[in-house]
C-alpha atoms as a PDB file:
ATOM      1  CA  MET A   1      -2.948 -36.503  -1.281  1.00  0.00           C
ATOM      2  CA  PRO A   2      -4.301 -32.878  -1.681  1.00  0.00           C
ATOM      3  CA  TYR A   3      -2.872 -30.029   0.293  1.00  0.00           C
ATOM      4  CA  SER A   4      -4.649 -28.746   3.218  1.00  0.00           C
ATOM      5  CA  ALA A   5      -6.594 -25.472   3.117  1.00  0.00           C
ATOM      6  CA  PHE A   6      -4.133 -24.299   5.715  1.00  0.00           C
ATOM      7  CA  HIS A   7      -1.292 -25.123   3.508  1.00  0.00           C
ATOM      8  CA  LYS A   8      -2.794 -23.676   0.361  1.00  0.00           C
ATOM      9  CA  ALA A   9      -3.349 -20.446   2.322  1.00  0.00           C
ATOM     10  CA  ARG A  10       0.207 -20.195   3.601  1.00  0.00           C
ATOM     11  CA  THR A  11       1.431 -20.776   0.189  1.00  0.00           C
ATOM     12  CA  ARG A  12      -0.655 -17.968  -1.303  1.00  0.00           C
ATOM     13  CA  GLU A  13       0.711 -15.590   1.366  1.00  0.00           C
ATOM     14  CA  ARG A  14       4.315 -16.603   0.523  1.00  0.00           C
ATOM     15  CA  ILE A  15       3.671 -15.907  -3.039  1.00  0.00           C
ATOM     16  CA  LEU A  16       1.671 -12.626  -2.205  1.00  0.00           C
ATOM     17  CA  ASP A  17       4.654 -11.284   0.082  1.00  0.00           C
ATOM     18  CA  ALA A  18       7.351 -12.191  -2.705  1.00  0.00           C
ATOM     19  CA  ALA A  19       5.163 -10.206  -5.204  1.00  0.00           C
ATOM     20  CA  ARG A  20       4.540  -7.357  -3.115  1.00  0.00           C
ATOM     21  CA  ARG A  21       8.294  -6.953  -2.600  1.00  0.00           C
ATOM     22  CA  ALA A  22       9.160  -7.564  -6.029  1.00  0.00           C
ATOM     23  CA  PHE A  23       6.399  -5.225  -7.635  1.00  0.00           C
ATOM     24  CA  ALA A  24       7.639  -2.607  -5.139  1.00  0.00           C
ATOM     25  CA  ARG A  25      11.269  -2.835  -5.847  1.00  0.00           C
ATOM     26  CA  VAL A  26      10.950  -2.802  -9.755  1.00  0.00           C
ATOM     27  CA  GLY A  27       7.376  -2.354 -10.882  1.00  0.00           C
ATOM     28  CA  TYR A  28       4.788  -4.365 -12.382  1.00  0.00           C
ATOM     29  CA  GLU A  29       6.217  -4.790 -16.027  1.00  0.00           C
ATOM     30  CA  ALA A  30       9.666  -5.821 -14.930  1.00  0.00           C
ATOM     31  CA  VAL A  31       8.393  -8.664 -12.547  1.00  0.00           C
ATOM     32  CA  THR A  32       7.972 -12.036 -14.015  1.00  0.00           C
ATOM     33  CA  ILE A  33       5.890 -14.945 -12.667  1.00  0.00           C
ATOM     34  CA  ASP A  34       9.133 -17.108 -12.544  1.00  0.00           C
ATOM     35  CA  GLU A  35      10.863 -14.345 -10.432  1.00  0.00           C
ATOM     36  CA  VAL A  36       8.033 -14.295  -7.827  1.00  0.00           C
ATOM     37  CA  MET A  37       7.719 -18.121  -7.555  1.00  0.00           C
ATOM     38  CA  ARG A  38      11.547 -18.235  -7.143  1.00  0.00           C
ATOM     39  CA  ARG A  39      11.456 -15.732  -4.376  1.00  0.00           C
ATOM     40  CA  ALA A  40       8.592 -17.686  -2.737  1.00  0.00           C
ATOM     41  CA  GLY A  41      10.723 -20.837  -2.866  1.00  0.00           C
ATOM     42  CA  LEU A  42       8.271 -22.284  -5.193  1.00  0.00           C
ATOM     43  CA  THR A  43       8.015 -23.546  -8.835  1.00  0.00           C
ATOM     44  CA  ARG A  44       6.044 -21.675 -11.620  1.00  0.00           C
ATOM     45  CA  GLY A  45       3.685 -24.597 -11.745  1.00  0.00           C
ATOM     46  CA  GLY A  46       2.319 -23.689  -8.485  1.00  0.00           C
ATOM     47  CA  PHE A  47       1.423 -20.209  -9.555  1.00  0.00           C
ATOM     48  CA  TYR A  48      -1.818 -21.414 -11.345  1.00  0.00           C
ATOM     49  CA  ASN A  49      -3.029 -23.027  -8.414  1.00  0.00           C
ATOM     50  CA  HIS A  50      -3.527 -19.680  -6.794  1.00  0.00           C
ATOM     51  CA  PHE A  51      -3.804 -17.002  -9.765  1.00  0.00           C
ATOM     52  CA  ARG A  52      -4.920 -17.157 -13.409  1.00  0.00           C
ATOM     53  CA  HIS A  53      -2.323 -14.654 -14.736  1.00  0.00           C
ATOM     54  CA  LYS A  54       0.199 -11.914 -13.452  1.00  0.00           C
ATOM     55  CA  ALA A  55      -2.491  -9.161 -13.390  1.00  0.00           C
ATOM     56  CA  ASP A  56      -4.534 -11.279 -11.036  1.00  0.00           C
ATOM     57  CA  LEU A  57      -1.423 -11.622  -8.759  1.00  0.00           C
ATOM     58  CA  PHE A  58      -0.741  -7.823  -9.006  1.00  0.00           C
ATOM     59  CA  ALA A  59      -4.421  -7.099  -8.072  1.00  0.00           C
ATOM     60  CA  ALA A  60      -4.118  -9.416  -4.939  1.00  0.00           C
ATOM     61  CA  ALA A  61      -0.889  -7.908  -3.883  1.00  0.00           C
ATOM     62  CA  VAL A  62      -2.408  -4.475  -4.099  1.00  0.00           C
ATOM     63  CA  GLU A  63      -5.459  -5.694  -2.124  1.00  0.00           C
ATOM     64  CA  SER A  64      -3.543  -7.371   0.499  1.00  0.00           C
ATOM     65  CA  TYR A  65      -1.325  -4.469   1.278  1.00  0.00           C
ATOM     66  CA  GLY A  66      -3.256  -3.102   4.070  1.00  0.00           C
ATOM     67  CA  THR A  67      -3.415  -6.654   5.749  1.00  0.00           C
ATOM     68  CA  ALA A  68       0.352  -7.662   5.451  1.00  0.00           C
ATOM     69  CA  THR A  69       2.278  -4.638   6.239  1.00  0.00           C
ATOM     70  CA  PRO A  70       2.833  -2.276   9.310  1.00  0.00           C
ATOM     71  CA  TRP A  71      -0.725  -0.908   8.933  1.00  0.00           C
ATOM     72  CA  GLN A  72      -2.056  -4.069  10.029  1.00  0.00           C
ATOM     73  CA  ASP A  73      -0.496  -3.986  13.486  1.00  0.00           C
ATOM     74  CA  ALA A  74      -1.502  -0.457  13.800  1.00  0.00           C
ATOM     75  CA  LYS A  75      -5.032  -1.150  13.082  1.00  0.00           C
ATOM     76  CA  THR A  76      -5.403  -3.928  15.663  1.00  0.00           C
ATOM     77  CA  SER A  77      -3.458  -1.938  18.381  1.00  0.00           C
ATOM     78  CA  GLY A  78      -6.532  -0.602  19.971  1.00  0.00           C
ATOM     79  CA  SER A  79      -5.914   2.982  19.081  1.00  0.00           C
ATOM     80  CA  SER A  80      -8.729   5.483  18.695  1.00  0.00           C
ATOM     81  CA  ALA A  81      -9.765   6.413  15.265  1.00  0.00           C
ATOM     82  CA  ASN A  82      -8.003   9.697  15.797  1.00  0.00           C
ATOM     83  CA  GLY A  83      -4.918   7.949  17.056  1.00  0.00           C
ATOM     84  CA  LEU A  84      -4.740   5.759  14.196  1.00  0.00           C
ATOM     85  CA  ALA A  85      -5.142   8.432  11.724  1.00  0.00           C
ATOM     86  CA  ARG A  86      -2.174  10.434  13.418  1.00  0.00           C
ATOM     87  CA  TRP A  87      -0.087   7.330  13.352  1.00  0.00           C
ATOM     88  CA  PHE A  88      -0.626   6.745   9.923  1.00  0.00           C
ATOM     89  CA  ILE A  89       0.199  10.134   8.747  1.00  0.00           C
ATOM     90  CA  ASP A  90       3.610  10.026  11.005  1.00  0.00           C
ATOM     91  CA  PHE A  91       4.609   6.578   9.795  1.00  0.00           C
ATOM     92  CA  TYR A  92       3.379   7.227   6.028  1.00  0.00           C
ATOM     93  CA  LEU A  93       5.466  10.313   5.727  1.00  0.00           C
ATOM     94  CA  SER A  94       8.487   8.934   7.688  1.00  0.00           C
ATOM     95  CA  ASP A  95      12.083   8.435   6.666  1.00  0.00           C
ATOM     96  CA  ASP A  96      11.597   4.620   7.080  1.00  0.00           C
ATOM     97  CA  MET A  97       8.633   4.457   4.643  1.00  0.00           C
ATOM     98  CA  LEU A  98      10.588   6.428   2.188  1.00  0.00           C
ATOM     99  CA  ALA A  99      13.743   4.355   2.406  1.00  0.00           C
ATOM    100  CA  ASN A 100      12.144   0.912   2.573  1.00  0.00           C
ATOM    101  CA  VAL A 101      10.906   0.561  -0.982  1.00  0.00           C
ATOM    102  CA  GLU A 102       9.770  -2.970  -0.177  1.00  0.00           C
ATOM    103  CA  ILE A 103       7.094  -1.744   2.143  1.00  0.00           C
ATOM    104  CA  GLY A 104       6.283   1.294   0.275  1.00  0.00           C
ATOM    105  CA  CYS A 105       2.595   1.945  -0.406  1.00  0.00           C
ATOM    106  CA  PRO A 106       1.175   1.062  -3.846  1.00  0.00           C
ATOM    107  CA  LEU A 107      -0.871   4.435  -3.752  1.00  0.00           C
ATOM    108  CA  TYR A 108       2.438   6.363  -4.410  1.00  0.00           C
ATOM    109  CA  GLY A 109       4.567   3.463  -5.816  1.00  0.00           C
ATOM    110  CA  PHE A 110       2.285   2.058  -8.498  1.00  0.00           C
ATOM    111  CA  PRO A 111       0.038   4.584 -10.166  1.00  0.00           C
ATOM    112  CA  ASN A 112       1.546   4.184 -13.739  1.00  0.00           C
ATOM    113  CA  ASP A 113       1.759   0.268 -13.456  1.00  0.00           C
ATOM    114  CA  ILE A 114      -1.933   0.338 -12.184  1.00  0.00           C
ATOM    115  CA  ALA A 115      -3.171   2.254 -15.077  1.00  0.00           C
ATOM    116  CA  ARG A 116      -1.612  -0.046 -17.506  1.00  0.00           C
ATOM    117  CA  ALA A 117      -2.097  -3.434 -15.646  1.00  0.00           C
ATOM    118  CA  GLY A 118      -5.813  -3.890 -16.464  1.00  0.00           C
ATOM    119  CA  SER A 119      -9.368  -3.662 -14.499  1.00  0.00           C
ATOM    120  CA  ALA A 120      -8.596  -6.151 -11.701  1.00  0.00           C
ATOM    121  CA  PRO A 121      -5.552  -4.129 -10.349  1.00  0.00           C
ATOM    122  CA  ARG A 122      -7.574  -0.850 -10.997  1.00  0.00           C
ATOM    123  CA  HIS A 123     -10.277  -2.303  -8.817  1.00  0.00           C
ATOM    124  CA  ALA A 124      -7.778  -3.415  -6.141  1.00  0.00           C
ATOM    125  CA  TYR A 125      -6.338   0.099  -6.026  1.00  0.00           C
ATOM    126  CA  THR A 126      -9.646   1.840  -5.760  1.00  0.00           C
ATOM    127  CA  ARG A 127     -10.510  -0.158  -2.948  1.00  0.00           C
ATOM    128  CA  LEU A 128      -7.129   0.710  -1.364  1.00  0.00           C
ATOM    129  CA  ILE A 129      -7.880   4.370  -1.805  1.00  0.00           C
ATOM    130  CA  GLU A 130     -11.095   4.050  -0.347  1.00  0.00           C
ATOM    131  CA  ARG A 131     -10.078   1.988   2.653  1.00  0.00           C
ATOM    132  CA  THR A 132      -7.223   4.371   3.451  1.00  0.00           C
ATOM    133  CA  ALA A 133      -9.437   7.480   2.999  1.00  0.00           C
ATOM    134  CA  ALA A 134     -11.883   5.741   5.359  1.00  0.00           C
ATOM    135  CA  ILE A 135      -9.122   5.764   8.181  1.00  0.00           C
ATOM    136  CA  PHE A 136      -9.150   9.570   7.988  1.00  0.00           C
ATOM    137  CA  GLU A 137     -12.862   9.905   7.640  1.00  0.00           C
ATOM    138  CA  ALA A 138     -13.325   7.832  10.711  1.00  0.00           C
ATOM    139  CA  ALA A 139     -11.204  10.139  12.683  1.00  0.00           C
ATOM    140  CA  LEU A 140     -13.079  12.968  11.438  1.00  0.00           C
ATOM    141  CA  GLY A 141     -16.401  11.768  12.708  1.00  0.00           C
ATOM    142  CA  SER A 142     -19.615  13.395  11.901  1.00  0.00           C
ATOM    143  CA  GLU A 143     -17.929  16.471  10.570  1.00  0.00           C
ATOM    144  CA  PRO A 144     -20.057  17.628   7.304  1.00  0.00           C
ATOM    145  CA  ASP A 145     -17.032  17.716   5.113  1.00  0.00           C
ATOM    146  CA  ALA A 146     -15.294  14.552   6.447  1.00  0.00           C
ATOM    147  CA  ALA A 147     -15.118  12.672   3.410  1.00  0.00           C
ATOM    148  CA  GLU A 148     -13.464  15.692   1.454  1.00  0.00           C
ATOM    149  CA  ARG A 149     -10.962  16.274   4.131  1.00  0.00           C
ATOM    150  CA  ALA A 150     -10.034  12.701   4.315  1.00  0.00           C
ATOM    151  CA  GLU A 151      -9.362  12.645   0.510  1.00  0.00           C
ATOM    152  CA  ALA A 152      -7.411  15.875   0.959  1.00  0.00           C
ATOM    153  CA  ILE A 153      -5.297  14.092   3.646  1.00  0.00           C
ATOM    154  CA  LEU A 154      -4.800  10.983   1.555  1.00  0.00           C
ATOM    155  CA  SER A 155      -3.854  13.230  -1.366  1.00  0.00           C
ATOM    156  CA  LEU A 156      -1.232  15.173   0.609  1.00  0.00           C
ATOM    157  CA  CYS A 157       0.406  12.027   2.101  1.00  0.00           C
ATOM    158  CA  VAL A 158       0.416  10.235  -1.406  1.00  0.00           C
ATOM    159  CA  GLY A 159       1.566  13.273  -3.238  1.00  0.00           C
ATOM    160  CA  ALA A 160       4.341  14.138  -0.757  1.00  0.00           C
ATOM    161  CA  MET A 161       5.867  10.588  -0.854  1.00  0.00           C
ATOM    162  CA  LEU A 162       5.368  10.424  -4.656  1.00  0.00           C
ATOM    163  CA  LEU A 163       7.511  13.688  -4.859  1.00  0.00           C
ATOM    164  CA  ALA A 164       9.928  13.033  -2.101  1.00  0.00           C
ATOM    165  CA  SER A 165      10.652   9.597  -3.806  1.00  0.00           C
ATOM    166  CA  THR A 166      11.586  10.957  -6.948  1.00  0.00           C
ATOM    167  CA  THR A 167      13.960  13.900  -6.034  1.00  0.00           C
ATOM    168  CA  GLU A 168      17.571  13.716  -5.478  1.00  0.00           C
ATOM    169  CA  SER A 169      17.646  16.679  -2.963  1.00  0.00           C
ATOM    170  CA  GLU A 170      17.515  15.394   0.489  1.00  0.00           C
ATOM    171  CA  THR A 171      16.710  18.934   1.645  1.00  0.00           C
ATOM    172  CA  LEU A 172      13.561  18.915  -0.658  1.00  0.00           C
ATOM    173  CA  ARG A 173      12.545  15.083   0.432  1.00  0.00           C
ATOM    174  CA  VAL A 174      12.401  16.351   4.025  1.00  0.00           C
ATOM    175  CA  SER A 175      10.669  19.634   3.358  1.00  0.00           C
ATOM    176  CA  ILE A 176       8.060  18.177   1.279  1.00  0.00           C
ATOM    177  CA  ARG A 177       7.021  15.439   3.835  1.00  0.00           C
ATOM    178  CA  ARG A 178       7.205  17.919   6.723  1.00  0.00           C
ATOM    179  CA  SER A 179       5.073  20.504   4.719  1.00  0.00           C
ATOM    180  CA  ALA A 180       2.532  17.615   3.983  1.00  0.00           C
ATOM    181  CA  ARG A 181       2.446  16.274   7.548  1.00  0.00           C
ATOM    182  CA  ARG A 182       1.662  19.716   9.068  1.00  0.00           C
ATOM    183  CA  THR A 183      -0.991  20.384   6.701  1.00  0.00           C
ATOM    184  CA  ALA A 184      -2.364  16.747   7.076  1.00  0.00           C
ATOM    185  CA  LEU A 185      -2.590  17.223  10.873  1.00  0.00           C
ATOM    186  CA  GLU A 186      -4.268  20.522  10.505  1.00  0.00           C
ATOM    187  CA  LEU A 187      -6.942  19.042   8.226  1.00  0.00           C
ATOM    188  CA  LEU A 188      -7.295  16.245  10.937  1.00  0.00           C
ATOM    189  CA  ASP A 189      -7.543  18.577  13.829  1.00  0.00           C
ATOM    190  CA  SER A 190      -9.637  21.385  12.319  1.00  0.00           C
END
């Protein structure tokens, strides 16, 4: 008897959750399909019921980031567009985000992996950039330069986290994120 659509969807989510965590922890190249399936409590054969190959899994993991992480709770909390944008900046640049590599954002965690992984992951990454910038653009409303400012805010957040995640200096990690937060909020409020 075939599995129900509900079972198949839940299984796919288990695979995606295991993949997101593994990719965030060690990167695309170091993760194997066997490892992802083991972490999901499944066998390798089941992988091919959901994905054609590892690059498709990587693309789906990147694509699902905005719906399977703390962002989803914030998006459905009923906050105003400005409230959501401010929450995003605060959380994105937080100590928790920096410390918890498994919830780390693909935007700062995967650029090199994405560049080498093929078209499907790049397409998913592009959509993630667009969706994330749209959060800030919505908060900026009808400002004539809303799209440009939204991209600048996103660039500040992603760049600050990329730099902070690669330095050994605690002082610099804090300073970079504090500076980015202040400037991002100024762009949001000006």
